[in-house]
N, C-alpha and C. Protein backbone atom coordinates (compact mmCIF):
# COMPACT_ATOMS: atom_id res chain seq x y z
N MET A 1 0.85 -1.27 -0.03
CA MET A 1 0.00 -0.03 0.03
C MET A 1 0.88 1.26 0.00
N GLU A 2 1.98 1.14 0.75
CA GLU A 2 2.85 2.32 0.90
C GLU A 2 3.50 2.68 -0.54
N ASN A 3 3.85 1.58 -1.30
CA ASN A 3 4.44 1.78 -2.61
C ASN A 3 3.41 2.43 -3.62
N TYR A 4 2.18 2.17 -3.39
CA TYR A 4 1.11 2.74 -4.38
C TYR A 4 1.01 4.24 -3.93
N LEU A 5 1.13 4.54 -2.63
CA LEU A 5 0.96 5.96 -2.24
C LEU A 5 2.10 6.74 -2.76
N ILE A 6 3.38 6.12 -2.71
CA ILE A 6 4.51 6.80 -3.33
C ILE A 6 4.38 7.05 -4.85
N PHE A 7 3.82 6.09 -5.42
CA PHE A 7 3.56 6.11 -6.92
C PHE A 7 2.67 7.26 -7.25
N ALA A 8 1.55 7.28 -6.50
CA ALA A 8 0.51 8.31 -6.66
C ALA A 8 1.08 9.75 -6.41
N THR A 9 1.85 9.77 -5.35
CA THR A 9 2.41 11.08 -4.95
C THR A 9 3.28 11.63 -6.08
N TYR A 10 4.16 10.70 -6.57
CA TYR A 10 5.12 11.28 -7.59
C TYR A 10 4.39 11.65 -8.80
N ILE A 11 3.30 10.88 -9.24
CA ILE A 11 2.51 11.38 -10.38
C ILE A 11 1.92 12.73 -10.08
N VAL A 12 1.39 12.96 -9.05
CA VAL A 12 0.87 14.31 -8.71
C VAL A 12 1.97 15.36 -8.76
N PHE A 13 3.17 15.01 -8.23
CA PHE A 13 4.26 15.90 -8.21
C PHE A 13 4.62 16.20 -9.71
N TYR A 14 4.68 15.18 -10.52
CA TYR A 14 5.05 15.38 -11.97
C TYR A 14 4.10 16.33 -12.62
N CYS A 15 2.83 16.06 -12.40
CA CYS A 15 1.79 16.88 -13.10
C CYS A 15 1.80 18.31 -12.58
N LEU A 16 2.14 18.57 -11.32
CA LEU A 16 2.10 19.82 -10.77
C LEU A 16 3.32 20.64 -11.40
N ILE A 17 4.52 20.01 -11.38
CA ILE A 17 5.75 20.55 -12.00
C ILE A 17 5.49 20.91 -13.52
N HIS A 18 4.89 19.96 -14.17
CA HIS A 18 4.59 20.08 -15.59
C HIS A 18 3.65 21.31 -15.84
N SER A 19 2.70 21.41 -14.96
CA SER A 19 1.77 22.63 -15.09
C SER A 19 2.39 23.99 -14.83
N LEU A 20 3.11 24.00 -13.76
CA LEU A 20 3.74 25.24 -13.29
C LEU A 20 4.75 25.71 -14.39
N LEU A 21 5.55 24.83 -14.90
CA LEU A 21 6.63 25.25 -15.80
C LEU A 21 6.04 25.51 -17.27
N ALA A 22 4.76 25.27 -17.38
CA ALA A 22 4.11 25.62 -18.69
C ALA A 22 3.30 26.80 -18.65
N ASP A 23 3.31 27.46 -17.52
CA ASP A 23 2.42 28.69 -17.35
C ASP A 23 3.23 29.97 -17.63
N PRO A 24 2.96 30.70 -18.70
CA PRO A 24 3.64 31.88 -19.09
C PRO A 24 3.41 33.02 -18.07
N PHE A 25 2.25 32.92 -17.34
CA PHE A 25 1.92 34.08 -16.44
C PHE A 25 2.67 33.90 -15.06
N ILE A 26 3.11 32.68 -14.88
CA ILE A 26 3.94 32.47 -13.62
C ILE A 26 5.38 32.72 -13.97
N LEU A 27 5.81 32.20 -15.05
CA LEU A 27 7.24 32.30 -15.38
C LEU A 27 7.66 33.64 -16.00
N LYS A 28 6.68 34.33 -16.65
CA LYS A 28 6.91 35.72 -17.24
C LYS A 28 8.10 35.83 -18.04
N ASP A 29 9.17 36.26 -17.49
CA ASP A 29 10.39 36.83 -18.29
C ASP A 29 11.19 35.64 -19.05
N ILE A 30 11.10 34.43 -18.40
CA ILE A 30 11.84 33.46 -19.07
C ILE A 30 11.04 32.48 -20.01
N TYR A 31 9.69 32.58 -19.91
CA TYR A 31 8.89 31.68 -20.65
C TYR A 31 9.13 31.73 -22.22
N ASP A 32 9.36 32.92 -22.70
CA ASP A 32 9.58 33.03 -24.09
C ASP A 32 11.15 33.13 -24.53
N LYS A 33 12.03 32.79 -23.61
CA LYS A 33 13.41 32.71 -23.93
C LYS A 33 13.60 31.61 -24.90
N TRP A 34 14.69 31.75 -25.81
CA TRP A 34 14.87 30.88 -26.89
C TRP A 34 15.11 29.38 -26.42
N TRP A 35 15.75 29.27 -25.23
CA TRP A 35 16.10 28.01 -24.69
C TRP A 35 15.02 27.26 -23.88
N TYR A 36 13.93 28.01 -23.49
CA TYR A 36 12.96 27.51 -22.54
C TYR A 36 12.19 26.26 -22.88
N ARG A 37 11.68 26.34 -24.21
CA ARG A 37 10.83 25.32 -24.62
C ARG A 37 11.59 23.97 -24.61
N ALA A 38 12.86 23.98 -25.18
CA ALA A 38 13.69 22.74 -25.20
C ALA A 38 13.97 22.29 -23.78
N PHE A 39 14.26 23.14 -22.90
CA PHE A 39 14.47 22.73 -21.49
C PHE A 39 13.20 22.13 -20.91
N TYR A 40 12.06 22.77 -21.26
CA TYR A 40 10.75 22.18 -20.68
C TYR A 40 10.52 20.80 -21.22
N VAL A 41 10.72 20.53 -22.43
CA VAL A 41 10.50 19.17 -22.94
C VAL A 41 11.60 18.20 -22.37
N PHE A 42 12.79 18.66 -22.18
CA PHE A 42 13.88 17.80 -21.67
C PHE A 42 13.49 17.40 -20.18
N GLN A 43 13.25 18.45 -19.39
CA GLN A 43 12.90 18.04 -18.04
C GLN A 43 11.62 17.17 -17.88
N SER A 44 10.68 17.36 -18.79
CA SER A 44 9.42 16.52 -18.76
C SER A 44 9.85 15.02 -19.05
N VAL A 45 10.74 14.80 -19.97
CA VAL A 45 11.18 13.50 -20.32
C VAL A 45 11.94 12.88 -19.12
N ILE A 46 12.90 13.64 -18.60
CA ILE A 46 13.76 13.14 -17.47
C ILE A 46 12.99 12.80 -16.29
N LEU A 47 11.98 13.57 -15.91
CA LEU A 47 11.17 13.31 -14.74
C LEU A 47 10.21 12.13 -14.94
N LEU A 48 10.04 11.64 -16.10
CA LEU A 48 9.18 10.44 -16.36
C LEU A 48 9.96 9.18 -15.99
N PHE A 49 11.25 9.24 -15.93
CA PHE A 49 11.99 8.04 -15.58
C PHE A 49 11.72 7.48 -14.19
N PRO A 50 11.64 8.23 -13.23
CA PRO A 50 11.35 7.76 -11.82
C PRO A 50 9.89 7.19 -11.84
N MET A 51 8.96 7.79 -12.58
CA MET A 51 7.58 7.31 -12.68
C MET A 51 7.60 5.92 -13.29
N VAL A 52 8.29 5.71 -14.35
CA VAL A 52 8.42 4.42 -15.02
C VAL A 52 9.02 3.41 -14.08
N PHE A 53 10.09 3.82 -13.24
CA PHE A 53 10.68 2.96 -12.36
C PHE A 53 9.75 2.48 -11.27
N PHE A 54 8.97 3.40 -10.72
CA PHE A 54 8.05 3.10 -9.65
C PHE A 54 6.86 2.16 -10.25
N TYR A 55 6.48 2.45 -11.43
CA TYR A 55 5.43 1.63 -12.07
C TYR A 55 5.76 0.23 -12.20
N PHE A 56 6.94 -0.06 -12.73
CA PHE A 56 7.50 -1.44 -12.86
C PHE A 56 7.89 -2.20 -11.65
N LYS A 57 8.04 -1.42 -10.53
CA LYS A 57 8.36 -2.00 -9.21
C LYS A 57 7.04 -2.54 -8.54
N LEU A 58 5.88 -1.94 -8.94
CA LEU A 58 4.65 -2.35 -8.39
C LEU A 58 4.14 -3.63 -8.96
N PRO A 59 3.40 -4.47 -8.27
CA PRO A 59 2.94 -5.79 -8.73
C PRO A 59 1.85 -5.57 -9.81
N ASP A 60 1.79 -6.59 -10.73
CA ASP A 60 0.75 -6.53 -11.81
C ASP A 60 -0.54 -7.16 -11.32
N THR A 61 -1.23 -6.48 -10.40
CA THR A 61 -2.43 -6.98 -9.85
C THR A 61 -3.55 -6.56 -10.76
N PRO A 62 -4.30 -7.50 -11.38
CA PRO A 62 -5.30 -7.19 -12.26
C PRO A 62 -6.54 -6.33 -11.57
N PHE A 63 -7.00 -5.31 -12.35
CA PHE A 63 -8.17 -4.62 -11.88
C PHE A 63 -9.30 -4.76 -12.86
N PHE A 64 -8.94 -4.71 -14.11
CA PHE A 64 -9.97 -4.83 -15.25
C PHE A 64 -9.39 -5.57 -16.31
N THR A 65 -9.91 -6.79 -16.57
CA THR A 65 -9.41 -7.66 -17.61
C THR A 65 -10.59 -8.01 -18.60
N PRO A 66 -10.78 -7.28 -19.66
CA PRO A 66 -11.94 -7.54 -20.43
C PRO A 66 -11.93 -8.77 -21.30
N ALA A 67 -13.17 -9.44 -21.42
CA ALA A 67 -13.17 -10.58 -22.30
C ALA A 67 -13.86 -10.13 -23.66
N SER A 68 -13.92 -11.01 -24.60
CA SER A 68 -14.48 -10.75 -25.83
C SER A 68 -15.99 -10.57 -25.70
N PRO A 69 -16.61 -9.66 -26.43
CA PRO A 69 -16.05 -8.81 -27.47
C PRO A 69 -15.48 -7.47 -26.91
N VAL A 70 -15.65 -7.22 -25.59
CA VAL A 70 -15.25 -5.99 -25.11
C VAL A 70 -13.78 -5.74 -25.32
N LYS A 71 -12.96 -6.77 -25.26
CA LYS A 71 -11.50 -6.64 -25.42
C LYS A 71 -11.15 -6.14 -26.79
N GLU A 72 -11.88 -6.72 -27.87
CA GLU A 72 -11.75 -6.26 -29.25
C GLU A 72 -12.19 -4.84 -29.44
N ILE A 73 -13.36 -4.53 -28.91
CA ILE A 73 -13.89 -3.12 -29.03
C ILE A 73 -12.89 -2.12 -28.44
N LEU A 74 -12.39 -2.36 -27.30
CA LEU A 74 -11.42 -1.43 -26.66
C LEU A 74 -10.09 -1.28 -27.57
N LEU A 75 -9.76 -2.42 -28.18
CA LEU A 75 -8.50 -2.35 -29.04
C LEU A 75 -8.83 -1.48 -30.24
N VAL A 76 -10.01 -1.49 -30.75
CA VAL A 76 -10.38 -0.65 -31.83
C VAL A 76 -10.37 0.89 -31.34
N VAL A 77 -10.97 1.07 -30.20
CA VAL A 77 -11.01 2.44 -29.68
C VAL A 77 -9.56 2.90 -29.42
N PHE A 78 -8.68 2.05 -28.87
CA PHE A 78 -7.36 2.43 -28.52
C PHE A 78 -6.55 2.85 -29.85
N ILE A 79 -6.71 2.11 -30.85
CA ILE A 79 -6.10 2.27 -32.14
C ILE A 79 -6.60 3.57 -32.80
N SER A 80 -7.93 3.73 -32.73
CA SER A 80 -8.61 4.94 -33.31
C SER A 80 -8.13 6.19 -32.64
N ALA A 81 -7.91 6.14 -31.20
CA ALA A 81 -7.52 7.28 -30.49
C ALA A 81 -6.05 7.55 -30.87
N LEU A 82 -5.21 6.50 -31.02
CA LEU A 82 -3.83 6.74 -31.40
C LEU A 82 -3.68 7.38 -32.76
N LEU A 83 -4.55 6.95 -33.72
CA LEU A 83 -4.51 7.56 -35.03
C LEU A 83 -4.98 8.95 -35.03
N PHE A 84 -5.98 9.26 -34.16
CA PHE A 84 -6.48 10.68 -34.04
C PHE A 84 -5.38 11.50 -33.41
N GLY A 85 -4.65 10.98 -32.43
CA GLY A 85 -3.44 11.74 -31.78
C GLY A 85 -2.46 12.01 -32.89
N LEU A 86 -2.17 11.11 -33.74
CA LEU A 86 -1.15 11.39 -34.83
C LEU A 86 -1.64 12.42 -35.80
N TYR A 87 -2.92 12.34 -36.16
CA TYR A 87 -3.58 13.32 -36.94
C TYR A 87 -3.60 14.69 -36.33
N SER A 88 -3.82 14.76 -35.00
CA SER A 88 -3.67 15.96 -34.24
C SER A 88 -2.43 16.65 -34.36
N ALA A 89 -1.34 15.87 -34.54
CA ALA A 89 -0.02 16.56 -34.55
C ALA A 89 0.16 17.55 -35.65
N LYS A 90 -0.68 17.18 -36.75
CA LYS A 90 -0.59 18.13 -37.98
C LYS A 90 -1.18 19.50 -37.67
N SER A 91 -1.90 19.63 -36.59
CA SER A 91 -2.53 20.90 -36.28
C SER A 91 -1.64 21.86 -35.47
N TYR A 92 -0.49 21.33 -35.15
CA TYR A 92 0.49 22.06 -34.24
C TYR A 92 1.75 22.44 -35.00
N ASP A 93 2.44 23.43 -34.45
CA ASP A 93 3.78 23.73 -34.92
C ASP A 93 4.68 22.91 -34.09
N ASN A 94 5.01 21.67 -34.44
CA ASN A 94 5.76 20.79 -33.62
C ASN A 94 7.22 21.15 -33.52
N MET A 95 7.77 21.93 -34.44
CA MET A 95 9.19 22.34 -34.31
C MET A 95 9.25 23.46 -33.23
N SER A 96 8.19 24.21 -32.97
CA SER A 96 8.10 25.12 -31.92
C SER A 96 7.82 24.38 -30.55
N PHE A 97 6.99 23.39 -30.70
CA PHE A 97 6.56 22.66 -29.53
C PHE A 97 7.73 22.05 -28.81
N PHE A 98 8.71 21.42 -29.63
CA PHE A 98 9.83 20.80 -29.00
C PHE A 98 11.01 21.77 -28.79
N GLY A 99 10.81 23.05 -29.20
CA GLY A 99 11.94 24.00 -28.99
C GLY A 99 12.94 24.09 -30.08
N ILE A 100 12.81 23.35 -31.15
CA ILE A 100 13.77 23.27 -32.16
C ILE A 100 13.81 24.60 -32.93
N LYS A 101 12.61 25.13 -33.27
CA LYS A 101 12.60 26.34 -34.05
C LYS A 101 13.18 27.55 -33.25
N GLN A 102 13.01 27.56 -32.01
CA GLN A 102 13.50 28.64 -31.22
C GLN A 102 15.10 28.66 -31.15
N ILE A 103 15.61 27.37 -31.03
CA ILE A 103 16.96 27.21 -30.96
C ILE A 103 17.69 27.67 -32.37
N LYS A 104 17.00 27.22 -33.46
CA LYS A 104 17.56 27.53 -34.79
C LYS A 104 17.45 29.03 -35.05
N LYS A 105 16.36 29.63 -34.57
CA LYS A 105 16.29 31.06 -34.80
C LYS A 105 17.40 31.82 -33.96
N HIS A 106 17.62 31.39 -32.78
CA HIS A 106 18.69 31.98 -31.92
C HIS A 106 20.02 31.84 -32.53
N LEU A 107 20.34 30.62 -33.00
CA LEU A 107 21.52 30.39 -33.57
C LEU A 107 21.87 31.07 -34.89
N GLY A 108 20.67 31.35 -35.70
CA GLY A 108 20.74 32.00 -36.94
C GLY A 108 20.84 33.47 -36.82
N SER A 109 20.07 34.08 -35.93
CA SER A 109 20.00 35.58 -35.90
C SER A 109 20.11 36.16 -34.47
N GLY A 110 20.49 35.28 -33.53
CA GLY A 110 20.73 35.74 -32.19
C GLY A 110 19.50 36.20 -31.43
N VAL A 111 18.25 35.72 -31.91
CA VAL A 111 17.01 36.20 -31.22
C VAL A 111 16.98 35.60 -29.89
N GLU A 112 16.72 36.40 -28.82
CA GLU A 112 16.69 36.01 -27.42
C GLU A 112 15.25 35.50 -27.04
N HIS A 113 14.20 36.20 -27.52
CA HIS A 113 12.85 35.83 -27.13
C HIS A 113 12.11 35.46 -28.39
N PHE A 114 11.21 34.46 -28.09
CA PHE A 114 10.49 33.89 -29.19
C PHE A 114 8.99 33.79 -28.84
N GLU A 115 8.20 34.45 -29.56
CA GLU A 115 6.74 34.49 -29.29
C GLU A 115 6.05 33.33 -30.08
N VAL A 116 5.52 32.39 -29.30
CA VAL A 116 4.97 31.15 -29.76
C VAL A 116 3.56 31.47 -30.35
N HIS A 117 2.83 32.09 -29.56
CA HIS A 117 1.33 32.27 -29.92
C HIS A 117 1.15 33.55 -30.78
N LYS A 118 0.99 33.30 -32.09
CA LYS A 118 0.99 34.47 -33.04
C LYS A 118 -0.51 34.55 -33.60
N GLU A 119 -1.09 33.34 -33.85
CA GLU A 119 -2.45 33.43 -34.40
C GLU A 119 -3.16 32.10 -33.87
N LEU A 120 -4.43 32.26 -33.77
CA LEU A 120 -5.24 31.12 -33.41
C LEU A 120 -5.40 30.07 -34.43
N THR A 121 -5.05 28.82 -34.24
CA THR A 121 -5.18 27.75 -35.13
C THR A 121 -6.43 26.98 -34.89
N SER A 122 -7.14 26.75 -36.00
CA SER A 122 -8.42 26.02 -35.91
C SER A 122 -8.62 25.05 -37.02
N HIS A 123 -7.51 24.47 -37.61
CA HIS A 123 -7.64 23.58 -38.62
C HIS A 123 -7.33 22.16 -38.09
N GLY A 124 -7.51 21.21 -39.07
CA GLY A 124 -7.24 19.77 -38.70
C GLY A 124 -7.99 19.29 -37.53
N ALA A 125 -7.50 18.62 -36.56
CA ALA A 125 -8.17 18.07 -35.44
C ALA A 125 -8.83 19.13 -34.57
N LEU A 126 -8.28 20.37 -34.65
CA LEU A 126 -8.83 21.55 -33.87
C LEU A 126 -10.13 22.01 -34.39
N ARG A 127 -10.53 21.50 -35.58
CA ARG A 127 -11.89 21.71 -36.01
C ARG A 127 -13.02 21.00 -35.23
N TYR A 128 -12.51 19.85 -34.56
CA TYR A 128 -13.45 18.94 -33.91
C TYR A 128 -13.40 19.07 -32.42
N VAL A 129 -12.23 19.46 -31.90
CA VAL A 129 -12.05 19.56 -30.43
C VAL A 129 -10.95 20.53 -30.08
N ARG A 130 -11.15 21.30 -28.98
CA ARG A 130 -10.25 22.38 -28.70
C ARG A 130 -8.88 21.84 -28.09
N HIS A 131 -8.96 20.65 -27.55
CA HIS A 131 -7.79 20.12 -26.88
C HIS A 131 -7.57 18.68 -27.29
N PRO A 132 -7.20 18.37 -28.53
CA PRO A 132 -7.11 17.04 -29.04
C PRO A 132 -6.13 16.10 -28.35
N TYR A 133 -5.09 16.66 -27.90
CA TYR A 133 -4.02 15.82 -27.25
C TYR A 133 -4.57 15.27 -25.79
N TYR A 134 -5.32 16.25 -25.12
CA TYR A 134 -5.79 15.79 -23.81
C TYR A 134 -6.87 14.66 -24.03
N PHE A 135 -7.70 14.89 -25.04
CA PHE A 135 -8.79 13.94 -25.35
C PHE A 135 -8.09 12.58 -25.70
N THR A 136 -7.17 12.60 -26.60
CA THR A 136 -6.43 11.41 -26.97
C THR A 136 -5.79 10.69 -25.80
N GLY A 137 -5.25 11.51 -24.92
CA GLY A 137 -4.52 10.87 -23.77
C GLY A 137 -5.54 10.22 -22.84
N ILE A 138 -6.66 10.79 -22.62
CA ILE A 138 -7.69 10.15 -21.74
C ILE A 138 -8.18 8.81 -22.30
N VAL A 139 -8.50 8.85 -23.66
CA VAL A 139 -8.95 7.63 -24.26
C VAL A 139 -7.93 6.55 -24.29
N LEU A 140 -6.74 6.86 -24.49
CA LEU A 140 -5.62 5.92 -24.54
C LEU A 140 -5.44 5.23 -23.15
N LEU A 141 -5.57 5.98 -22.14
CA LEU A 141 -5.43 5.59 -20.76
C LEU A 141 -6.50 4.55 -20.47
N TRP A 142 -7.76 4.76 -20.80
CA TRP A 142 -8.88 3.92 -20.36
C TRP A 142 -9.22 2.79 -21.27
N SER A 143 -8.74 2.78 -22.48
CA SER A 143 -9.24 1.77 -23.52
C SER A 143 -8.28 0.65 -23.54
N ARG A 144 -7.91 0.09 -22.41
CA ARG A 144 -6.97 -1.05 -22.30
C ARG A 144 -7.24 -1.79 -21.03
N PRO A 145 -6.74 -3.16 -20.89
CA PRO A 145 -6.78 -3.77 -19.65
C PRO A 145 -6.04 -3.03 -18.66
N LEU A 146 -6.50 -3.10 -17.38
CA LEU A 146 -5.94 -2.30 -16.30
C LEU A 146 -5.40 -3.16 -15.11
N PHE A 147 -4.21 -2.82 -14.57
CA PHE A 147 -3.77 -3.31 -13.30
C PHE A 147 -4.21 -2.25 -12.31
N VAL A 148 -4.07 -2.54 -10.99
CA VAL A 148 -4.32 -1.58 -9.92
C VAL A 148 -3.51 -0.38 -10.09
N LYS A 149 -2.25 -0.52 -10.43
CA LYS A 149 -1.39 0.59 -10.67
C LYS A 149 -1.70 1.49 -11.80
N ASP A 150 -2.42 0.84 -12.82
CA ASP A 150 -2.90 1.65 -13.92
C ASP A 150 -4.05 2.51 -13.51
N LEU A 151 -4.91 1.96 -12.58
CA LEU A 151 -6.02 2.74 -12.18
C LEU A 151 -5.54 4.03 -11.53
N ILE A 152 -4.52 3.87 -10.69
CA ILE A 152 -3.93 5.12 -10.05
C ILE A 152 -3.37 6.05 -10.98
N LEU A 153 -2.64 5.54 -11.94
CA LEU A 153 -2.07 6.41 -13.00
C LEU A 153 -3.16 7.09 -13.85
N ASN A 154 -4.16 6.29 -14.18
CA ASN A 154 -5.25 6.85 -15.06
C ASN A 154 -6.07 7.85 -14.40
N VAL A 155 -6.45 7.66 -13.11
CA VAL A 155 -7.21 8.70 -12.41
C VAL A 155 -6.43 10.06 -12.29
N VAL A 156 -5.17 9.92 -11.87
CA VAL A 156 -4.46 11.17 -11.60
C VAL A 156 -4.20 11.87 -12.95
N PHE A 157 -3.85 11.13 -13.98
CA PHE A 157 -3.51 11.81 -15.32
C PHE A 157 -4.83 12.33 -15.92
N SER A 158 -5.93 11.62 -15.79
CA SER A 158 -7.20 12.04 -16.34
C SER A 158 -7.62 13.51 -15.74
N LEU A 159 -7.44 13.44 -14.45
CA LEU A 159 -7.72 14.78 -13.63
C LEU A 159 -6.79 15.83 -14.13
N TYR A 160 -5.59 15.55 -14.37
CA TYR A 160 -4.47 16.42 -14.87
C TYR A 160 -4.91 16.89 -16.24
N PHE A 161 -5.41 16.05 -17.11
CA PHE A 161 -5.76 16.46 -18.43
C PHE A 161 -6.99 17.37 -18.43
N ILE A 162 -7.97 17.11 -17.61
CA ILE A 162 -9.14 17.94 -17.46
C ILE A 162 -8.83 19.26 -16.84
N LEU A 163 -8.07 19.33 -15.78
CA LEU A 163 -7.67 20.55 -15.20
C LEU A 163 -6.73 21.33 -16.12
N GLY A 164 -5.87 20.59 -16.79
CA GLY A 164 -4.95 21.19 -17.79
C GLY A 164 -5.60 21.89 -18.95
N SER A 165 -6.72 21.31 -19.35
CA SER A 165 -7.46 21.87 -20.49
C SER A 165 -8.22 23.12 -19.97
N ILE A 166 -8.71 23.18 -18.72
CA ILE A 166 -9.23 24.29 -18.10
C ILE A 166 -8.31 25.41 -18.03
N ASN A 167 -6.99 25.18 -17.63
CA ASN A 167 -5.94 26.05 -17.46
C ASN A 167 -5.58 26.65 -18.83
N GLU A 168 -5.53 25.76 -19.83
CA GLU A 168 -5.20 26.15 -21.19
C GLU A 168 -6.31 27.20 -21.71
N GLU A 169 -7.54 26.85 -21.38
CA GLU A 169 -8.63 27.70 -21.79
C GLU A 169 -8.38 29.16 -21.25
N ARG A 170 -8.05 29.25 -19.96
CA ARG A 170 -7.72 30.48 -19.32
C ARG A 170 -6.69 31.33 -20.07
N LYS A 171 -5.59 30.62 -20.41
CA LYS A 171 -4.54 31.33 -21.12
C LYS A 171 -4.83 31.72 -22.45
N LEU A 172 -5.59 30.94 -23.25
CA LEU A 172 -5.89 31.17 -24.61
C LEU A 172 -6.91 32.35 -24.67
N LYS A 173 -7.86 32.38 -23.69
CA LYS A 173 -8.80 33.49 -23.69
C LYS A 173 -8.19 34.77 -23.47
N ILE A 174 -7.09 34.85 -22.58
CA ILE A 174 -6.36 36.01 -22.39
C ILE A 174 -5.50 36.47 -23.65
N ILE A 175 -4.98 35.47 -24.36
CA ILE A 175 -4.17 35.75 -25.54
C ILE A 175 -5.04 36.22 -26.69
N PHE A 176 -6.09 35.42 -26.97
CA PHE A 176 -6.90 35.63 -28.19
C PHE A 176 -8.19 36.35 -27.94
N ASP A 177 -8.69 36.53 -26.64
CA ASP A 177 -9.89 37.20 -26.28
C ASP A 177 -11.14 36.81 -27.08
N GLU A 178 -11.72 37.71 -27.77
CA GLU A 178 -13.07 37.37 -28.39
C GLU A 178 -12.91 36.35 -29.50
N GLN A 179 -11.72 36.31 -30.18
CA GLN A 179 -11.51 35.36 -31.28
C GLN A 179 -11.62 33.96 -30.68
N TYR A 180 -11.02 33.76 -29.47
CA TYR A 180 -11.12 32.34 -28.92
C TYR A 180 -12.44 32.07 -28.41
N LYS A 181 -13.14 33.02 -27.83
CA LYS A 181 -14.44 32.86 -27.27
C LYS A 181 -15.42 32.33 -28.41
N LYS A 182 -15.26 32.97 -29.55
CA LYS A 182 -16.07 32.63 -30.67
C LYS A 182 -15.76 31.24 -31.13
N TYR A 183 -14.48 30.88 -31.21
CA TYR A 183 -14.03 29.52 -31.59
C TYR A 183 -14.63 28.54 -30.69
N ALA A 184 -14.58 28.83 -29.32
CA ALA A 184 -15.03 27.97 -28.28
C ALA A 184 -16.56 27.63 -28.34
N GLU A 185 -17.27 28.64 -28.82
CA GLU A 185 -18.75 28.43 -29.07
C GLU A 185 -19.05 27.35 -30.04
N ASN A 186 -18.21 27.05 -30.99
CA ASN A 186 -18.41 26.20 -32.04
C ASN A 186 -17.65 24.91 -32.02
N VAL A 187 -16.71 24.80 -31.19
CA VAL A 187 -15.91 23.59 -31.04
C VAL A 187 -15.75 23.20 -29.56
N PRO A 188 -16.13 21.87 -29.34
CA PRO A 188 -16.19 21.32 -27.94
C PRO A 188 -14.80 21.42 -27.31
N MET A 189 -14.70 21.43 -25.99
CA MET A 189 -13.44 21.48 -25.33
C MET A 189 -12.71 20.20 -25.21
N LEU A 190 -13.31 19.07 -24.85
CA LEU A 190 -12.63 17.82 -24.62
C LEU A 190 -13.26 16.68 -25.44
N LEU A 191 -14.47 16.68 -25.75
CA LEU A 191 -15.15 15.60 -26.44
C LEU A 191 -15.40 16.10 -27.87
N PRO A 192 -14.72 15.44 -28.89
CA PRO A 192 -14.92 15.91 -30.20
C PRO A 192 -16.28 15.89 -30.78
N LYS A 193 -16.53 16.70 -31.73
CA LYS A 193 -17.85 16.85 -32.39
C LYS A 193 -18.42 15.44 -32.79
N PHE A 194 -17.51 14.61 -33.39
CA PHE A 194 -18.06 13.41 -33.91
C PHE A 194 -18.50 12.37 -32.94
N VAL A 195 -18.24 12.55 -31.62
CA VAL A 195 -18.65 11.66 -30.56
C VAL A 195 -19.40 12.41 -29.42
N ASN A 196 -19.76 13.64 -29.75
CA ASN A 196 -20.28 14.50 -28.70
C ASN A 196 -21.81 14.76 -28.93
N PRO A 197 -22.62 14.05 -28.11
CA PRO A 197 -24.05 14.21 -28.25
C PRO A 197 -24.55 15.63 -28.01
N MET A 198 -23.89 16.38 -27.09
CA MET A 198 -24.30 17.79 -26.89
C MET A 198 -24.14 18.62 -28.06
N TYR A 199 -23.14 18.29 -28.89
CA TYR A 199 -22.88 19.13 -29.98
C TYR A 199 -23.92 18.72 -31.08
N TRP A 200 -24.37 17.42 -31.22
CA TRP A 200 -25.38 17.07 -32.12
C TRP A 200 -26.64 17.77 -31.81
N LEU A 201 -27.01 17.77 -30.51
CA LEU A 201 -28.27 18.45 -30.10
C LEU A 201 -28.20 19.97 -30.35
N LYS A 202 -27.02 20.54 -30.10
CA LYS A 202 -26.88 21.99 -30.38
C LYS A 202 -26.96 22.29 -31.88
N SER A 203 -26.35 21.44 -32.74
CA SER A 203 -26.43 21.63 -34.13
C SER A 203 -27.96 21.40 -34.68
N LYS A 204 -28.56 20.33 -34.14
CA LYS A 204 -29.99 20.07 -34.46
C LYS A 204 -30.84 21.24 -34.11
N ASN A 205 -30.74 21.85 -32.93
CA ASN A 205 -31.57 22.93 -32.42
C ASN A 205 -31.23 24.14 -33.21
N GLY A 206 -30.03 24.33 -33.70
CA GLY A 206 -29.60 25.50 -34.52
C GLY A 206 -30.31 25.49 -35.88
N LYS A 207 -30.56 24.30 -36.41
CA LYS A 207 -31.15 24.17 -37.67
C LYS A 207 -32.69 24.41 -37.64
N ASN A 208 -33.28 24.12 -36.39
CA ASN A 208 -34.69 24.26 -36.25
C ASN A 208 -35.14 25.72 -36.12
């Protein structure tokens, strides 16, 4: 039981650090430095190693072992979510996301500060959901057989994804103001249009 508590505590610690270091309103002066994004990605990866270590030290105690046809259905859901996540990558500037563009620009022209958010993007996966990576992450977590340690991991990370999306909303509304509010009126936050019954009802009522 103590090992599970340590595992859960570390996941919470990881999510907290990840959120704090991703907030431009907390970090202010260093957030848009040319080196910061690469540092952020690097520390995110490094801090995953203790989590992986704790995970594999815990016993493989089954919590949810689906039988056919649920097992096959979950596999289809898992693969579909994975493909959607890959499709979502096309909606983002991945060179900036990993800090590569910032480093190149600094080395090429000596630029010290790099403004990432220049215009609101609403193409690709962002036409269907405002936070496609968070949606993908939640589906991937829950569409598979689970050990008890997976349940802990899934609950904490799912809460992190939900709270993370709310925090992202706060930042994006400050940056893009009315433009983002208008976008948010037409695109769901976490559940994509194609699986969102509330969006279907809204669209149906709009046509009547």
